[in-house]
């Protein structure tokens, strides 16, 4: 299964920038990707922070791992936390 990776940088409420990748099945639309990103931000107590095409850009397509496929089946997306996500 092919997965699309969206490189995402969002300002945190308390300052700094969260950097994470939103990984979705390849044909997922941009609006859905943003919704998934907003859901993730809420889970990190960062709900309401901006998440648009400016903060979240398509990066590349790769082969999905089993962990990604499991997350796709469970909630539709997979997050790779890069920097300042905790």
C-alpha atoms as a PDB file:
ATOM      1  CA  UNK A   1       0.000   0.000   0.000  1.00  0.00           C
ATOM      2  CA  UNK A   2       1.283   3.463  -0.916  1.00  0.00           C
ATOM      3  CA  UNK A   3       1.221   6.261   1.658  1.00  0.00           C
ATOM      4  CA  UNK A   4       1.424  10.034   1.179  1.00  0.00           C
ATOM      5  CA  UNK A   5       3.520  11.988   3.675  1.00  0.00           C
ATOM      6  CA  UNK A   6       2.670  15.591   4.585  1.00  0.00           C
ATOM      7  CA  UNK A   7       5.439  17.551   6.307  1.00  0.00           C
ATOM      8  CA  UNK A   8       3.803  19.700   8.990  1.00  0.00           C
ATOM      9  CA  UNK A   9       5.057  22.608  11.111  1.00  0.00           C
ATOM     10  CA  UNK A  10       2.599  24.155  13.597  1.00  0.00           C
ATOM     11  CA  UNK A  11       3.272  26.906  16.154  1.00  0.00           C
ATOM     12  CA  UNK A  12       2.653  25.730  19.729  1.00  0.00           C
ATOM     13  CA  UNK A  13       0.451  27.727  22.110  1.00  0.00           C
ATOM     14  CA  UNK A  14       3.316  28.149  24.567  1.00  0.00           C
ATOM     15  CA  UNK A  15       5.859  29.022  21.867  1.00  0.00           C
ATOM     16  CA  UNK A  16       8.066  26.985  19.594  1.00  0.00           C
ATOM     17  CA  UNK A  17       7.150  24.883  16.586  1.00  0.00           C
ATOM     18  CA  UNK A  18       5.801  21.330  16.453  1.00  0.00           C
ATOM     19  CA  UNK A  19       7.191  19.340  13.536  1.00  0.00           C
ATOM     20  CA  UNK A  20       5.407  16.137  12.580  1.00  0.00           C
ATOM     21  CA  UNK A  21       4.476  14.147   9.498  1.00  0.00           C
ATOM     22  CA  UNK A  22       0.886  13.211   8.724  1.00  0.00           C
ATOM     23  CA  UNK A  23       0.890   9.926   6.800  1.00  0.00           C
ATOM     24  CA  UNK A  24      -2.262   8.855   4.949  1.00  0.00           C
ATOM     25  CA  UNK A  25      -3.302   6.448   2.194  1.00  0.00           C
ATOM     26  CA  UNK A  26      -2.032   7.857  -1.117  1.00  0.00           C
ATOM     27  CA  UNK A  27      -5.343   9.119  -2.541  1.00  0.00           C
ATOM     28  CA  UNK A  28      -6.454  11.005   0.598  1.00  0.00           C
ATOM     29  CA  UNK A  29      -7.512  14.604  -0.108  1.00  0.00           C
ATOM     30  CA  UNK A  30      -5.858  17.680   1.408  1.00  0.00           C
ATOM     31  CA  UNK A  31      -8.985  18.670   3.381  1.00  0.00           C
ATOM     32  CA  UNK A  32      -9.069  15.257   5.055  1.00  0.00           C
ATOM     33  CA  UNK A  33      -5.347  15.494   5.835  1.00  0.00           C
ATOM     34  CA  UNK A  34      -5.958  18.838   7.562  1.00  0.00           C
ATOM     35  CA  UNK A  35      -8.808  17.325   9.584  1.00  0.00           C
ATOM     36  CA  UNK A  36      -6.514  14.513  10.711  1.00  0.00           C
ATOM     37  CA  UNK A  37      -3.865  17.069  11.658  1.00  0.00           C
ATOM     38  CA  UNK A  38      -6.405  19.057  13.665  1.00  0.00           C
ATOM     39  CA  UNK A  39      -7.453  15.861  15.488  1.00  0.00           C
ATOM     40  CA  UNK A  40      -3.817  15.179  16.333  1.00  0.00           C
ATOM     41  CA  UNK A  41      -3.337  18.757  17.596  1.00  0.00           C
ATOM     42  CA  UNK A  42      -6.355  18.372  19.906  1.00  0.00           C
ATOM     43  CA  UNK A  43      -4.804  15.169  21.303  1.00  0.00           C
ATOM     44  CA  UNK A  44      -1.679  17.210  22.116  1.00  0.00           C
ATOM     45  CA  UNK A  45      -3.636  20.060  23.769  1.00  0.00           C
ATOM     46  CA  UNK A  46      -2.853  22.288  20.768  1.00  0.00           C
ATOM     47  CA  UNK A  47      -6.359  22.493  19.333  1.00  0.00           C
ATOM     48  CA  UNK A  48      -7.147  25.707  17.483  1.00  0.00           C
ATOM     49  CA  UNK A  49      -3.608  26.231  16.225  1.00  0.00           C
ATOM     50  CA  UNK A  50      -3.354  27.037  12.507  1.00  0.00           C
ATOM     51  CA  UNK A  51      -3.151  24.071  10.167  1.00  0.00           C
ATOM     52  CA  UNK A  52      -3.456  25.042   6.504  1.00  0.00           C
ATOM     53  CA  UNK A  53      -1.546  24.313   3.300  1.00  0.00           C
ATOM     54  CA  UNK A  54       1.054  26.774   4.626  1.00  0.00           C
ATOM     55  CA  UNK A  55       1.775  24.590   7.687  1.00  0.00           C
ATOM     56  CA  UNK A  56       1.076  21.204   6.087  1.00  0.00           C
ATOM     57  CA  UNK A  57       2.599  20.399   2.694  1.00  0.00           C
ATOM     58  CA  UNK A  58       2.767  17.233   0.642  1.00  0.00           C
ATOM     59  CA  UNK A  59       6.295  15.832   0.825  1.00  0.00           C
ATOM     60  CA  UNK A  60       6.479  12.413  -0.846  1.00  0.00           C
ATOM     61  CA  UNK A  61       4.916   8.964  -1.338  1.00  0.00           C
ATOM     62  CA  UNK A  62       6.370   5.849   0.231  1.00  0.00           C
ATOM     63  CA  UNK A  63       5.424   2.259   0.912  1.00  0.00           C
ATOM     64  CA  UNK A  64       3.325   2.041   4.094  1.00  0.00           C
ATOM     65  CA  UNK A  65       4.656  -0.008   6.984  1.00  0.00           C
ATOM     66  CA  UNK A  66       2.407  -2.472   8.814  1.00  0.00           C
ATOM     67  CA  UNK A  67       2.194   0.015  11.698  1.00  0.00           C
ATOM     68  CA  UNK A  68       0.929   2.695   9.293  1.00  0.00           C
ATOM     69  CA  UNK A  69      -1.617   0.335   7.709  1.00  0.00           C
ATOM     70  CA  UNK A  70      -2.942  -0.600  11.159  1.00  0.00           C
ATOM     71  CA  UNK A  71      -3.346   3.116  12.015  1.00  0.00           C
ATOM     72  CA  UNK A  72      -5.042   3.790   8.648  1.00  0.00           C
ATOM     73  CA  UNK A  73      -7.564   1.034   9.397  1.00  0.00           C
ATOM     74  CA  UNK A  74      -8.088   2.308  12.956  1.00  0.00           C
ATOM     75  CA  UNK A  75      -8.310   6.094  12.515  1.00  0.00           C
ATOM     76  CA  UNK A  76      -7.414   6.904   8.896  1.00  0.00           C
ATOM     77  CA  UNK A  77      -3.935   8.349   9.464  1.00  0.00           C
ATOM     78  CA  UNK A  78      -0.555   7.853  11.130  1.00  0.00           C
ATOM     79  CA  UNK A  79       1.600  10.540  12.771  1.00  0.00           C
ATOM     80  CA  UNK A  80       5.399  10.566  12.851  1.00  0.00           C
ATOM     81  CA  UNK A  81       6.466  12.936  15.624  1.00  0.00           C
ATOM     82  CA  UNK A  82       9.654  14.765  14.678  1.00  0.00           C
ATOM     83  CA  UNK A  83      10.260  17.739  17.030  1.00  0.00           C
ATOM     84  CA  UNK A  84       8.556  19.446  19.996  1.00  0.00           C
ATOM     85  CA  UNK A  85       5.464  17.221  19.936  1.00  0.00           C
ATOM     86  CA  UNK A  86       5.390  16.558  23.686  1.00  0.00           C
END
